[in-house]
Structure formats: C-alpha cells, structure tokens
N, C-alpha and C. Protein backbone atom coordinates (compact mmCIF):
# COMPACT_ATOMS: atom_id res chain seq x y z
N MET A 1 28.35 27.68 -140.90
CA MET A 1 28.22 29.10 -140.65
C MET A 1 29.09 29.57 -139.47
N PRO A 2 29.14 28.89 -138.32
CA PRO A 2 30.00 29.34 -137.24
C PRO A 2 31.47 29.40 -137.65
N THR A 3 31.88 28.54 -138.56
CA THR A 3 33.27 28.54 -139.01
C THR A 3 33.62 29.85 -139.69
N LYS A 4 32.71 30.41 -140.49
CA LYS A 4 32.97 31.69 -141.15
C LYS A 4 33.16 32.79 -140.12
N ASN A 5 32.30 32.84 -139.13
CA ASN A 5 32.43 33.85 -138.08
C ASN A 5 33.74 33.72 -137.35
N LEU A 6 34.15 32.51 -137.06
CA LEU A 6 35.40 32.27 -136.37
C LEU A 6 36.57 32.74 -137.22
N ALA A 7 36.54 32.45 -138.52
CA ALA A 7 37.61 32.86 -139.43
C ALA A 7 37.72 34.38 -139.49
N ILE A 8 36.60 35.07 -139.46
CA ILE A 8 36.61 36.53 -139.50
C ILE A 8 37.24 37.08 -138.23
N VAL A 9 36.88 36.55 -137.09
CA VAL A 9 37.43 37.00 -135.82
C VAL A 9 38.93 36.75 -135.77
N VAL A 10 39.37 35.56 -136.15
CA VAL A 10 40.78 35.22 -136.15
C VAL A 10 41.55 36.14 -137.08
N SER A 11 41.01 36.40 -138.27
CA SER A 11 41.67 37.30 -139.22
C SER A 11 41.79 38.70 -138.65
N PHE A 12 40.76 39.18 -138.01
CA PHE A 12 40.79 40.50 -137.41
C PHE A 12 41.83 40.58 -136.31
N LEU A 13 41.87 39.59 -135.43
CA LEU A 13 42.85 39.57 -134.34
C LEU A 13 44.27 39.47 -134.87
N ALA A 14 44.48 38.67 -135.88
CA ALA A 14 45.82 38.52 -136.46
C ALA A 14 46.32 39.84 -137.03
N LEU A 15 45.41 40.64 -137.58
CA LEU A 15 45.81 41.93 -138.12
C LEU A 15 46.02 42.97 -137.02
N ALA A 16 45.30 42.87 -135.94
CA ALA A 16 45.38 43.86 -134.87
C ALA A 16 46.60 43.69 -133.98
N VAL A 17 47.05 42.48 -133.75
CA VAL A 17 48.14 42.23 -132.81
C VAL A 17 49.45 42.89 -133.23
N PRO A 18 49.93 42.76 -134.47
CA PRO A 18 51.20 43.40 -134.82
C PRO A 18 51.18 44.92 -134.63
N ALA A 19 50.07 45.58 -134.87
CA ALA A 19 50.00 47.02 -134.70
C ALA A 19 50.21 47.40 -133.24
N VAL A 20 49.67 46.64 -132.33
CA VAL A 20 49.84 46.91 -130.90
C VAL A 20 51.27 46.63 -130.47
N ALA A 21 51.85 45.55 -130.96
CA ALA A 21 53.19 45.15 -130.57
C ALA A 21 54.25 46.13 -131.05
N GLN A 22 53.96 46.93 -132.04
CA GLN A 22 54.95 47.85 -132.59
C GLN A 22 54.94 49.23 -131.93
N GLN A 23 54.11 49.44 -130.94
CA GLN A 23 54.05 50.72 -130.26
C GLN A 23 55.10 50.79 -129.15
N PRO A 24 55.89 51.85 -129.08
CA PRO A 24 56.82 52.00 -127.96
C PRO A 24 56.04 52.00 -126.65
N VAL A 25 56.62 51.37 -125.62
CA VAL A 25 55.90 51.20 -124.36
C VAL A 25 56.32 52.19 -123.28
N GLY A 26 57.40 52.91 -123.47
CA GLY A 26 57.87 53.85 -122.47
C GLY A 26 58.56 53.14 -121.32
N ILE A 27 59.11 53.91 -120.41
CA ILE A 27 59.91 53.35 -119.32
C ILE A 27 59.07 52.47 -118.40
N VAL A 28 57.83 52.82 -118.14
CA VAL A 28 56.98 52.01 -117.26
C VAL A 28 56.73 50.64 -117.89
N GLY A 29 56.45 50.60 -119.18
CA GLY A 29 56.24 49.33 -119.87
C GLY A 29 57.51 48.51 -119.93
N GLN A 30 58.65 49.17 -120.11
CA GLN A 30 59.93 48.47 -120.13
C GLN A 30 60.23 47.86 -118.75
N GLU A 31 59.96 48.62 -117.70
CA GLU A 31 60.17 48.11 -116.34
C GLU A 31 59.28 46.90 -116.08
N GLN A 32 58.02 46.97 -116.52
CA GLN A 32 57.08 45.86 -116.32
C GLN A 32 57.55 44.61 -117.08
N ALA A 33 58.01 44.80 -118.32
CA ALA A 33 58.49 43.66 -119.11
C ALA A 33 59.67 43.00 -118.42
N CYS A 34 60.60 43.79 -117.93
CA CYS A 34 61.77 43.25 -117.24
C CYS A 34 61.39 42.61 -115.91
N ALA A 35 60.51 43.24 -115.16
CA ALA A 35 60.09 42.68 -113.88
C ALA A 35 59.41 41.33 -114.07
N GLY A 36 58.59 41.20 -115.10
CA GLY A 36 57.92 39.93 -115.39
C GLY A 36 58.91 38.84 -115.75
N GLU A 37 59.88 39.18 -116.59
CA GLU A 37 60.91 38.21 -116.98
C GLU A 37 61.77 37.83 -115.77
N PHE A 38 62.15 38.81 -114.97
CA PHE A 38 62.93 38.58 -113.76
C PHE A 38 62.19 37.65 -112.81
N SER A 39 60.91 37.92 -112.62
CA SER A 39 60.06 37.11 -111.75
C SER A 39 60.04 35.65 -112.18
N MET A 40 59.89 35.42 -113.47
CA MET A 40 59.86 34.04 -113.98
C MET A 40 61.25 33.39 -113.89
N MET A 41 62.28 34.14 -114.22
CA MET A 41 63.64 33.60 -114.24
C MET A 41 64.09 33.14 -112.86
N PHE A 42 63.76 33.91 -111.83
CA PHE A 42 64.22 33.61 -110.48
C PHE A 42 63.11 33.05 -109.59
N ASP A 43 61.96 32.75 -110.17
CA ASP A 43 60.82 32.22 -109.44
C ASP A 43 60.50 33.09 -108.22
N ALA A 44 60.43 34.39 -108.47
CA ALA A 44 60.16 35.37 -107.41
C ALA A 44 58.76 35.95 -107.61
N GLU A 45 58.09 36.24 -106.54
CA GLU A 45 56.79 36.91 -106.61
C GLU A 45 56.97 38.30 -107.21
N MET A 46 56.06 38.71 -108.08
CA MET A 46 56.14 40.05 -108.68
C MET A 46 56.17 41.14 -107.62
N SER A 47 55.46 40.92 -106.52
CA SER A 47 55.42 41.94 -105.46
C SER A 47 56.77 42.11 -104.77
N SER A 48 57.70 41.16 -104.96
CA SER A 48 59.01 41.28 -104.33
C SER A 48 60.06 41.87 -105.27
N VAL A 49 59.70 42.13 -106.51
CA VAL A 49 60.66 42.66 -107.49
C VAL A 49 60.75 44.18 -107.33
N ARG A 50 61.98 44.66 -107.22
CA ARG A 50 62.24 46.10 -107.07
C ARG A 50 63.05 46.61 -108.25
N VAL A 51 62.67 47.77 -108.77
CA VAL A 51 63.42 48.43 -109.83
C VAL A 51 64.31 49.47 -109.17
N ASN A 52 65.61 49.39 -109.45
CA ASN A 52 66.57 50.29 -108.81
C ASN A 52 67.15 51.32 -109.77
N GLY A 53 66.47 51.58 -110.85
CA GLY A 53 66.93 52.59 -111.80
C GLY A 53 67.13 52.00 -113.18
N HIS A 54 67.66 52.84 -114.06
CA HIS A 54 67.88 52.41 -115.43
C HIS A 54 68.99 53.22 -116.07
N ASP A 55 69.49 52.72 -117.18
CA ASP A 55 70.56 53.35 -117.93
C ASP A 55 70.36 53.01 -119.41
N GLU A 56 71.24 53.45 -120.26
CA GLU A 56 71.16 53.12 -121.68
C GLU A 56 72.31 52.19 -122.05
N SER A 57 72.01 51.17 -122.84
CA SER A 57 73.04 50.23 -123.30
C SER A 57 73.77 50.83 -124.50
N PRO A 58 74.94 50.28 -124.84
CA PRO A 58 75.66 50.76 -126.04
C PRO A 58 74.82 50.62 -127.32
N ALA A 59 73.89 49.66 -127.34
CA ALA A 59 73.02 49.45 -128.51
C ALA A 59 71.86 50.45 -128.56
N GLY A 60 71.71 51.26 -127.52
CA GLY A 60 70.61 52.24 -127.48
C GLY A 60 69.37 51.74 -126.77
N ASN A 61 69.39 50.51 -126.27
CA ASN A 61 68.26 49.98 -125.50
C ASN A 61 68.34 50.49 -124.07
N THR A 62 67.30 50.24 -123.32
CA THR A 62 67.27 50.61 -121.91
C THR A 62 67.72 49.42 -121.07
N VAL A 63 68.53 49.68 -120.05
CA VAL A 63 68.94 48.64 -119.11
C VAL A 63 68.27 48.97 -117.78
N ILE A 64 67.47 48.03 -117.28
CA ILE A 64 66.74 48.19 -116.03
C ILE A 64 67.48 47.38 -114.95
N PHE A 65 67.73 48.01 -113.79
CA PHE A 65 68.39 47.34 -112.67
C PHE A 65 67.32 46.81 -111.72
N LEU A 66 67.34 45.51 -111.47
CA LEU A 66 66.30 44.85 -110.67
C LEU A 66 66.91 44.05 -109.52
N GLN A 67 66.11 43.86 -108.49
CA GLN A 67 66.47 42.95 -107.40
C GLN A 67 65.22 42.55 -106.66
N THR A 68 65.33 41.45 -105.91
CA THR A 68 64.22 41.07 -105.04
C THR A 68 64.31 41.92 -103.78
N ALA A 69 63.21 42.07 -103.08
CA ALA A 69 63.15 42.90 -101.88
C ALA A 69 64.15 42.44 -100.82
N ASP A 70 64.38 41.14 -100.74
CA ASP A 70 65.32 40.62 -99.74
C ASP A 70 66.76 40.60 -100.23
N GLY A 71 67.00 41.03 -101.47
CA GLY A 71 68.35 41.07 -102.03
C GLY A 71 68.89 39.72 -102.47
N ALA A 72 68.06 38.69 -102.46
CA ALA A 72 68.52 37.35 -102.82
C ALA A 72 68.93 37.27 -104.29
N TYR A 73 68.29 38.03 -105.15
CA TYR A 73 68.60 38.02 -106.58
C TYR A 73 68.71 39.45 -107.10
N GLN A 74 69.68 39.67 -107.98
CA GLN A 74 69.86 40.95 -108.64
C GLN A 74 70.19 40.69 -110.10
N ALA A 75 69.72 41.55 -110.98
CA ALA A 75 70.00 41.38 -112.41
C ALA A 75 69.85 42.71 -113.14
N ASN A 76 70.50 42.77 -114.29
CA ASN A 76 70.32 43.87 -115.23
C ASN A 76 69.55 43.32 -116.41
N CYS A 77 68.54 44.04 -116.81
CA CYS A 77 67.67 43.60 -117.91
C CYS A 77 67.76 44.62 -119.04
N GLU A 78 68.17 44.17 -120.22
CA GLU A 78 68.19 45.04 -121.40
C GLU A 78 66.88 44.83 -122.14
N VAL A 79 66.20 45.93 -122.44
CA VAL A 79 64.88 45.88 -123.08
C VAL A 79 64.81 46.94 -124.17
N ASP A 80 64.17 46.60 -125.29
CA ASP A 80 64.06 47.58 -126.38
C ASP A 80 62.86 48.51 -126.15
N ASP A 81 62.68 49.44 -127.06
CA ASP A 81 61.61 50.44 -126.94
C ASP A 81 60.21 49.85 -126.96
N PHE A 82 60.08 48.62 -127.47
CA PHE A 82 58.77 47.99 -127.61
C PHE A 82 58.47 47.01 -126.49
N GLY A 83 59.34 46.95 -125.46
CA GLY A 83 59.10 46.07 -124.32
C GLY A 83 59.60 44.65 -124.52
N ASN A 84 60.43 44.42 -125.53
CA ASN A 84 60.99 43.09 -125.75
C ASN A 84 62.29 42.96 -124.97
N VAL A 85 62.36 41.99 -124.07
CA VAL A 85 63.57 41.76 -123.29
C VAL A 85 64.63 41.18 -124.21
N VAL A 86 65.76 41.85 -124.30
CA VAL A 86 66.88 41.44 -125.15
C VAL A 86 67.81 40.51 -124.38
N GLU A 87 68.07 40.87 -123.11
CA GLU A 87 69.00 40.09 -122.31
C GLU A 87 68.75 40.34 -120.83
N MET A 88 68.93 39.28 -120.03
CA MET A 88 68.84 39.39 -118.58
C MET A 88 70.15 38.82 -118.03
N VAL A 89 70.90 39.64 -117.29
CA VAL A 89 72.19 39.22 -116.75
C VAL A 89 72.14 39.29 -115.23
N ARG A 90 72.35 38.14 -114.59
CA ARG A 90 72.38 38.10 -113.13
C ARG A 90 73.63 38.81 -112.64
N THR A 91 73.45 39.72 -111.68
CA THR A 91 74.59 40.50 -111.18
C THR A 91 74.89 40.24 -109.72
N GLY A 92 74.05 39.52 -109.03
CA GLY A 92 74.28 39.25 -107.62
C GLY A 92 73.21 38.36 -107.03
N GLY A 93 73.45 37.99 -105.79
CA GLY A 93 72.49 37.17 -105.07
C GLY A 93 72.64 35.71 -105.34
C-alpha cells in the first residue's frame, strides 16, 4: 500500500515540474540564476557576487555582467528567459 501512495506522489511531481520550469523568470530570476552559477564557478560566496547591469545577446538572450565585490573575478553570463544559463565567459580577474 505505501508503494501506491509513493507512485502517486512521484507521478504528480513529475507532471508539475515541467510546468514550473517553462515559466519566464524575469530579470531578477535571470540575475539569480547567473549569480548562482558564477558563485559555483569561481567558488565565491553569493554575498560577494555583484550584478553590474545587463544587455541583450545577438541570440535574444539576456547577458548579465557579474563580478565579485573585491573585483577578483568578472564574467558575462548569457541566460535565457526561463533562467537557464547558456554560457558564462570570464572577462577579468
């Protein structure tokens, strides 16, 4: 009997996740996605990551400009409308 309940919960979650993942996240969500990736890539504390603006890539994605508070690392992060990081390019530091 517990196995049936577990299967129902798993099936429900599997159906719910793609619907959430397909929602545009807006600039704040895009910045968060890039800051998280930047933090992991450069082993930097999230509290030290600074967003210095954004632009649009030729592909139509958003490019977020990031750096650590001390300037040790800088990068441009390309992210799509759904918060998926497409590319992270180190630009300095």
